[in-house]
Amino acid sequence: MNTVDSITNDMTNFSLEQIVYKTIHESELSIREQAACIGKSENYLYRMANPSDDCDLPVKLLLPVMKNNKNYRILEWLNKSCGFMMVKMPRGLVKGTNPKMEAVEYQQKFGKLMEALFDFIKEPTELKRIELDDLMRTHMGDSENMRRRIKRADLEQMDLGI
């Protein structure tokens, strides 16, 4: 399972210890490779991933474990447990892009999101829910990208033509 794709599963049904276990044991990397990436022994990693062991995963190792495994279920679980949601941030603004075209694309994507929402309301299915969820998360990332664009740019120079 990879990064944000796991968000569609309800991770709140698991304990933090179970999420850590799944993150480490369901990795494409071997325990030896993971241990080497975080500078710990295999035995230590096995103990950290064992829900019945008293060896906890230190906070300073959370980020390396998640990044090396390309799996952010731990972060997702923490977010959901605290009432927050996780959205993958956009990579950033592309230099030389036309702000007017970005605004038009943003509006078009929002229109598609609204169509999917009304389609789901009209006839709710699991497939439509998953598609809608994906569109909503993409829109949140696009909104953050647009927020950054507006924050960074002088609005008079940006001239969106609105």
C-alpha atoms as a PDB file:
ATOM      1  CA  MET A   1       0.000   0.000   0.000  1.00  0.00           C
ATOM      2  CA  ASN A   2       1.457   3.372  -0.890  1.00  0.00           C
ATOM      3  CA  THR A   3       1.273   6.868   0.605  1.00  0.00           C
ATOM      4  CA  VAL A   4      -2.073   8.597   0.341  1.00  0.00           C
ATOM      5  CA  ASP A   5      -3.786   5.677  -1.424  1.00  0.00           C
ATOM      6  CA  SER A   6      -4.349   4.070   1.980  1.00  0.00           C
ATOM      7  CA  ILE A   7      -6.519   6.976   3.107  1.00  0.00           C
ATOM      8  CA  THR A   8      -9.667   5.451   1.659  1.00  0.00           C
ATOM      9  CA  ASN A   9      -9.408   2.691   4.280  1.00  0.00           C
ATOM     10  CA  ASP A  10     -10.712   3.528   7.734  1.00  0.00           C
ATOM     11  CA  MET A  11      -7.476   3.415   9.677  1.00  0.00           C
ATOM     12  CA  THR A  12      -9.197   4.438  12.916  1.00  0.00           C
ATOM     13  CA  ASN A  13     -10.220   0.792  13.379  1.00  0.00           C
ATOM     14  CA  PHE A  14      -6.591   0.013  14.199  1.00  0.00           C
ATOM     15  CA  SER A  15      -4.433   1.019  17.139  1.00  0.00           C
ATOM     16  CA  LEU A  16      -1.245   3.016  16.601  1.00  0.00           C
ATOM     17  CA  GLU A  17       0.747  -0.113  17.447  1.00  0.00           C
ATOM     18  CA  GLN A  18      -1.095  -2.063  14.732  1.00  0.00           C
ATOM     19  CA  ILE A  19      -0.470   0.699  12.186  1.00  0.00           C
ATOM     20  CA  VAL A  20       3.257   0.716  13.016  1.00  0.00           C
ATOM     21  CA  TYR A  21       3.308  -3.076  12.703  1.00  0.00           C
ATOM     22  CA  LYS A  22       1.553  -2.983   9.323  1.00  0.00           C
ATOM     23  CA  THR A  23       3.802  -0.178   8.056  1.00  0.00           C
ATOM     24  CA  ILE A  24       6.970  -2.092   8.883  1.00  0.00           C
ATOM     25  CA  HIS A  25       5.860  -5.618   8.018  1.00  0.00           C
ATOM     26  CA  GLU A  26       3.953  -4.799   4.824  1.00  0.00           C
ATOM     27  CA  SER A  27       6.841  -2.825   3.358  1.00  0.00           C
ATOM     28  CA  GLU A  28       8.481  -3.654   0.056  1.00  0.00           C
ATOM     29  CA  LEU A  29      11.780  -3.243   1.924  1.00  0.00           C
ATOM     30  CA  SER A  30      13.104  -6.071   4.059  1.00  0.00           C
ATOM     31  CA  ILE A  31      13.446  -5.564   7.805  1.00  0.00           C
ATOM     32  CA  ARG A  32      17.236  -5.479   7.290  1.00  0.00           C
ATOM     33  CA  GLU A  33      16.934  -2.704   4.671  1.00  0.00           C
ATOM     34  CA  GLN A  34      14.534  -0.691   6.826  1.00  0.00           C
ATOM     35  CA  ALA A  35      16.780  -1.030   9.873  1.00  0.00           C
ATOM     36  CA  ALA A  36      19.776   0.162   7.860  1.00  0.00           C
ATOM     37  CA  CYS A  37      17.801   3.179   6.598  1.00  0.00           C
ATOM     38  CA  ILE A  38      17.024   4.365  10.128  1.00  0.00           C
ATOM     39  CA  GLY A  39      20.353   3.361  11.644  1.00  0.00           C
ATOM     40  CA  LYS A  40      18.958   0.736  14.022  1.00  0.00           C
ATOM     41  CA  SER A  41      19.377  -3.035  14.347  1.00  0.00           C
ATOM     42  CA  GLU A  42      16.917  -5.502  12.864  1.00  0.00           C
ATOM     43  CA  ASN A  43      16.117  -6.710  16.368  1.00  0.00           C
ATOM     44  CA  TYR A  44      15.255  -3.172  17.469  1.00  0.00           C
ATOM     45  CA  LEU A  45      12.978  -2.705  14.457  1.00  0.00           C
ATOM     46  CA  TYR A  46      11.223  -6.017  15.134  1.00  0.00           C
ATOM     47  CA  ARG A  47      10.689  -4.940  18.748  1.00  0.00           C
ATOM     48  CA  MET A  48       9.341  -1.507  17.695  1.00  0.00           C
ATOM     49  CA  ALA A  49       6.860  -3.182  15.353  1.00  0.00           C
ATOM     50  CA  ASN A  50       5.691  -5.733  17.928  1.00  0.00           C
ATOM     51  CA  PRO A  51       2.466  -4.491  19.582  1.00  0.00           C
ATOM     52  CA  SER A  52       3.067  -6.707  22.631  1.00  0.00           C
ATOM     53  CA  ASP A  53       6.621  -5.435  23.224  1.00  0.00           C
ATOM     54  CA  ASP A  54       7.327  -2.411  25.414  1.00  0.00           C
ATOM     55  CA  CYS A  55       9.748  -0.985  22.839  1.00  0.00           C
ATOM     56  CA  ASP A  56       7.958   2.014  21.339  1.00  0.00           C
ATOM     57  CA  LEU A  57       8.758   3.696  18.045  1.00  0.00           C
ATOM     58  CA  PRO A  58      10.436   7.000  18.989  1.00  0.00           C
ATOM     59  CA  VAL A  59       8.929  10.083  17.393  1.00  0.00           C
ATOM     60  CA  LYS A  60      12.296  11.000  15.857  1.00  0.00           C
ATOM     61  CA  LEU A  61      12.186   7.735  13.862  1.00  0.00           C
ATOM     62  CA  LEU A  62       8.618   8.182  12.565  1.00  0.00           C
ATOM     63  CA  LEU A  63       9.557  10.299   9.580  1.00  0.00           C
ATOM     64  CA  PRO A  64      12.444   8.091   8.387  1.00  0.00           C
ATOM     65  CA  VAL A  65      10.280   4.949   8.760  1.00  0.00           C
ATOM     66  CA  MET A  66       7.434   6.509   6.775  1.00  0.00           C
ATOM     67  CA  LYS A  67       9.657   8.007   4.068  1.00  0.00           C
ATOM     68  CA  ASN A  68      11.754   4.882   3.568  1.00  0.00           C
ATOM     69  CA  ASN A  69       8.641   2.736   3.259  1.00  0.00           C
ATOM     70  CA  LYS A  70       6.759   5.345   1.195  1.00  0.00           C
ATOM     71  CA  ASN A  71       3.869   4.626   3.530  1.00  0.00           C
ATOM     72  CA  TYR A  72       2.225   7.331   5.619  1.00  0.00           C
ATOM     73  CA  ARG A  73      -0.413   5.288   7.449  1.00  0.00           C
ATOM     74  CA  ILE A  74       1.078   6.291  10.792  1.00  0.00           C
ATOM     75  CA  LEU A  75       0.646   9.980   9.962  1.00  0.00           C
ATOM     76  CA  GLU A  76      -2.818   9.287   8.598  1.00  0.00           C
ATOM     77  CA  TRP A  77      -3.802   7.506  11.809  1.00  0.00           C
ATOM     78  CA  LEU A  78      -2.478  10.374  13.941  1.00  0.00           C
ATOM     79  CA  ASN A  79      -4.418  12.892  11.813  1.00  0.00           C
ATOM     80  CA  LYS A  80      -7.698  10.984  11.993  1.00  0.00           C
ATOM     81  CA  SER A  81      -7.329  10.300  15.717  1.00  0.00           C
ATOM     82  CA  CYS A  82      -7.002  14.033  16.344  1.00  0.00           C
ATOM     83  CA  GLY A  83      -9.857  15.024  14.011  1.00  0.00           C
ATOM     84  CA  PHE A  84      -7.722  16.210  11.104  1.00  0.00           C
ATOM     85  CA  MET A  85      -7.503  15.026   7.523  1.00  0.00           C
ATOM     86  CA  MET A  86      -4.467  14.324   5.417  1.00  0.00           C
ATOM     87  CA  VAL A  87      -4.029  15.802   1.971  1.00  0.00           C
ATOM     88  CA  LYS A  88      -0.881  15.392  -0.091  1.00  0.00           C
ATOM     89  CA  MET A  89       0.559  18.830  -0.747  1.00  0.00           C
ATOM     90  CA  PRO A  90       1.151  19.845  -4.350  1.00  0.00           C
ATOM     91  CA  ARG A  91       4.774  19.829  -5.465  1.00  0.00           C
ATOM     92  CA  GLY A  92       4.763  23.586  -5.957  1.00  0.00           C
ATOM     93  CA  LEU A  93       4.265  26.203  -8.558  1.00  0.00           C
ATOM     94  CA  VAL A  94       5.730  25.733 -12.008  1.00  0.00           C
ATOM     95  CA  LYS A  95       7.675  28.770 -13.136  1.00  0.00           C
ATOM     96  CA  GLY A  96       6.455  30.362 -16.319  1.00  0.00           C
ATOM     97  CA  THR A  97       2.882  29.111 -16.031  1.00  0.00           C
ATOM     98  CA  ASN A  98       0.082  31.440 -16.973  1.00  0.00           C
ATOM     99  CA  PRO A  99      -1.932  32.463 -13.874  1.00  0.00           C
ATOM    100  CA  LYS A 100      -5.067  33.028 -15.966  1.00  0.00           C
ATOM    101  CA  MET A 101      -4.872  29.504 -17.355  1.00  0.00           C
ATOM    102  CA  GLU A 102      -4.272  28.128 -13.858  1.00  0.00           C
ATOM    103  CA  ALA A 103      -7.413  29.906 -12.656  1.00  0.00           C
ATOM    104  CA  VAL A 104      -9.433  28.546 -15.597  1.00  0.00           C
ATOM    105  CA  GLU A 105      -8.146  24.987 -14.985  1.00  0.00           C
ATOM    106  CA  TYR A 106      -8.906  25.342 -11.272  1.00  0.00           C
ATOM    107  CA  GLN A 107     -12.471  26.398 -12.085  1.00  0.00           C
ATOM    108  CA  GLN A 108     -12.921  23.547 -14.588  1.00  0.00           C
ATOM    109  CA  LYS A 109     -11.675  20.964 -12.093  1.00  0.00           C
ATOM    110  CA  PHE A 110     -14.050  22.381  -9.481  1.00  0.00           C
ATOM    111  CA  GLY A 111     -16.888  22.054 -11.998  1.00  0.00           C
ATOM    112  CA  LYS A 112     -16.025  18.365 -12.502  1.00  0.00           C
ATOM    113  CA  LEU A 113     -15.938  17.918  -8.725  1.00  0.00           C
ATOM    114  CA  MET A 114     -19.419  19.427  -8.397  1.00  0.00           C
ATOM    115  CA  GLU A 115     -20.745  17.222 -11.222  1.00  0.00           C
ATOM    116  CA  ALA A 116     -19.371  14.160  -9.426  1.00  0.00           C
ATOM    117  CA  LEU A 117     -20.928  15.334  -6.154  1.00  0.00           C
ATOM    118  CA  PHE A 118     -24.375  15.785  -7.702  1.00  0.00           C
ATOM    119  CA  ASP A 119     -24.011  12.453  -9.514  1.00  0.00           C
ATOM    120  CA  PHE A 120     -23.182  10.773  -6.197  1.00  0.00           C
ATOM    121  CA  ILE A 121     -26.117  12.440  -4.419  1.00  0.00           C
ATOM    122  CA  LYS A 122     -28.433  11.311  -7.221  1.00  0.00           C
ATOM    123  CA  GLU A 123     -27.226   7.696  -7.162  1.00  0.00           C
ATOM    124  CA  PRO A 124     -24.729   6.860  -4.390  1.00  0.00           C
ATOM    125  CA  THR A 125     -22.468   3.894  -5.110  1.00  0.00           C
ATOM    126  CA  GLU A 126     -19.139   2.830  -3.635  1.00  0.00           C
ATOM    127  CA  LEU A 127     -17.344   3.475  -6.930  1.00  0.00           C
ATOM    128  CA  LYS A 128     -18.789   6.999  -7.142  1.00  0.00           C
ATOM    129  CA  ARG A 129     -17.845   7.620  -3.503  1.00  0.00           C
ATOM    130  CA  ILE A 130     -14.232   6.620  -4.183  1.00  0.00           C
ATOM    131  CA  GLU A 131     -14.112   8.793  -7.316  1.00  0.00           C
ATOM    132  CA  LEU A 132     -15.643  11.726  -5.443  1.00  0.00           C
ATOM    133  CA  ASP A 133     -13.216  11.272  -2.547  1.00  0.00           C
ATOM    134  CA  ASP A 134     -10.283  11.324  -4.980  1.00  0.00           C
ATOM    135  CA  LEU A 135     -11.596  14.459  -6.727  1.00  0.00           C
ATOM    136  CA  MET A 136     -12.121  16.205  -3.384  1.00  0.00           C
ATOM    137  CA  ARG A 137      -8.576  15.434  -2.226  1.00  0.00           C
ATOM    138  CA  THR A 138      -7.171  16.594  -5.563  1.00  0.00           C
ATOM    139  CA  HIS A 139      -9.205  19.789  -5.252  1.00  0.00           C
ATOM    140  CA  MET A 140      -7.820  20.436  -1.774  1.00  0.00           C
ATOM    141  CA  GLY A 141      -4.293  20.129  -3.177  1.00  0.00           C
ATOM    142  CA  ASP A 142      -5.195  22.393  -6.104  1.00  0.00           C
ATOM    143  CA  SER A 143      -6.694  24.891  -3.653  1.00  0.00           C
ATOM    144  CA  GLU A 144      -3.467  24.924  -1.664  1.00  0.00           C
ATOM    145  CA  ASN A 145      -1.516  25.473  -4.861  1.00  0.00           C
ATOM    146  CA  MET A 146      -3.773  28.405  -5.798  1.00  0.00           C
ATOM    147  CA  ARG A 147      -3.505  29.795  -2.252  1.00  0.00           C
ATOM    148  CA  ARG A 148       0.282  29.723  -2.576  1.00  0.00           C
ATOM    149  CA  ARG A 149       0.082  31.415  -5.975  1.00  0.00           C
ATOM    150  CA  ILE A 150      -2.070  34.217  -4.578  1.00  0.00           C
ATOM    151  CA  LYS A 151       0.038  34.590  -1.452  1.00  0.00           C
ATOM    152  CA  ARG A 152       3.247  34.830  -3.449  1.00  0.00           C
ATOM    153  CA  ALA A 153       2.085  37.044  -6.264  1.00  0.00           C
ATOM    154  CA  ASP A 154       1.231  40.693  -6.272  1.00  0.00           C
ATOM    155  CA  LEU A 155      -2.466  40.612  -7.175  1.00  0.00           C
ATOM    156  CA  GLU A 156      -2.122  43.515  -9.595  1.00  0.00           C
ATOM    157  CA  GLN A 157       0.684  41.726 -11.428  1.00  0.00           C
ATOM    158  CA  MET A 158      -1.248  38.475 -11.410  1.00  0.00           C
ATOM    159  CA  ASP A 159      -4.198  40.058 -13.282  1.00  0.00           C
ATOM    160  CA  LEU A 160      -6.514  37.079 -13.371  1.00  0.00           C
ATOM    161  CA  GLY A 161      -8.918  39.016 -15.567  1.00  0.00           C
ATOM    162  CA  ILE A 162     -11.840  38.382 -13.258  1.00  0.00           C
END
